[in-house]
Amino acid sequence: MLAAKLKELRLKKGISQETLAENLNTSRSNISKYESGKLEPNLFTLKKLCEFYNISADELLEIKLDDEEMI
């Protein structure tokens, strides 16, 4: 689930919701809503999250493709 993954990544990095919000140019309230599943980040925010955490969108969204599906 995206909400749990977002919280996990933030905690692993050891930063507050406020710090993450500042880095993404959004509100702490939005970060809280993303992490609780009350709000889904838009594509622009997803891109910024991937860049901030230095991970792919597949990893963030926990998408696993079989090799056959990629052909």
Protein backbone atom coordinates (compact mmCIF):
# COMPACT_ATOMS: atom_id res chain seq x y z
CA MET A 1 0.00 0.00 0.00
CA LEU A 2 1.36 3.40 -0.98
CA ALA A 3 0.49 5.07 2.33
CA ALA A 4 2.51 2.57 4.35
CA LYS A 5 5.43 2.75 1.90
CA LEU A 6 5.55 6.54 2.15
CA LYS A 7 5.64 6.43 5.93
CA GLU A 8 8.26 3.67 5.91
CA LEU A 9 10.54 5.65 3.59
CA ARG A 10 10.22 8.82 5.65
CA LEU A 11 10.94 7.05 8.92
CA LYS A 12 13.88 5.18 7.38
CA LYS A 13 15.33 8.53 6.33
CA GLY A 14 14.76 9.84 9.86
CA ILE A 15 12.90 13.00 8.91
CA SER A 16 9.68 14.62 10.09
CA GLN A 17 6.57 15.16 8.02
CA GLU A 18 7.35 18.89 8.18
CA THR A 19 10.83 18.38 6.72
CA LEU A 20 9.48 16.20 3.92
CA ALA A 21 6.75 18.74 3.20
CA GLU A 22 9.34 21.52 2.90
CA ASN A 23 11.41 19.43 0.48
CA LEU A 24 8.37 18.67 -1.67
CA ASN A 25 6.97 22.20 -1.43
CA THR A 26 3.69 21.00 0.05
CA SER A 27 2.01 21.10 3.45
CA ARG A 28 2.64 18.84 6.43
CA SER A 29 -1.09 18.16 6.34
CA ASN A 30 -0.80 16.70 2.84
CA ILE A 31 2.08 14.46 3.92
CA SER A 32 -0.02 13.22 6.84
CA LYS A 33 -2.93 12.51 4.49
CA TYR A 34 -0.66 10.66 2.03
CA GLU A 35 0.68 8.49 4.85
CA SER A 36 -2.78 7.73 6.24
CA GLY A 37 -4.28 6.96 2.83
CA LYS A 38 -6.76 9.84 3.02
CA LEU A 39 -5.21 11.52 -0.03
CA GLU A 40 -3.31 10.14 -3.01
CA PRO A 41 -0.37 12.17 -4.31
CA ASN A 42 -0.73 13.45 -7.87
CA LEU A 43 1.75 12.50 -10.60
CA PHE A 44 3.90 15.59 -10.05
CA THR A 45 4.17 14.79 -6.33
CA LEU A 46 4.90 11.12 -7.05
CA LYS A 47 7.77 12.21 -9.28
CA LYS A 48 9.12 14.49 -6.56
CA LEU A 49 8.85 11.69 -3.99
CA CYS A 50 10.80 9.33 -6.26
CA GLU A 51 13.50 11.95 -6.77
CA PHE A 52 13.66 12.78 -3.06
CA TYR A 53 13.99 9.14 -1.99
CA ASN A 54 16.10 8.24 -5.07
CA ILE A 55 13.86 5.32 -6.02
CA SER A 56 11.91 4.34 -9.13
CA ALA A 57 8.17 4.80 -9.44
CA ASP A 58 7.88 1.01 -9.67
CA GLU A 59 9.59 0.66 -6.31
CA LEU A 60 7.53 3.43 -4.71
CA LEU A 61 4.27 1.98 -6.00
CA GLU A 62 5.48 -1.58 -5.34
CA ILE A 63 4.88 -2.68 -8.92
CA LYS A 64 6.43 -6.03 -9.75
CA LEU A 65 6.50 -7.12 -13.36
CA ASP A 66 7.45 -10.52 -14.64
CA ASP A 67 10.11 -10.55 -17.31
CA GLU A 68 7.49 -11.78 -19.80
CA GLU A 69 5.26 -8.78 -19.10
CA MET A 70 8.07 -6.41 -20.04
CA ILE A 71 8.35 -7.81 -23.58
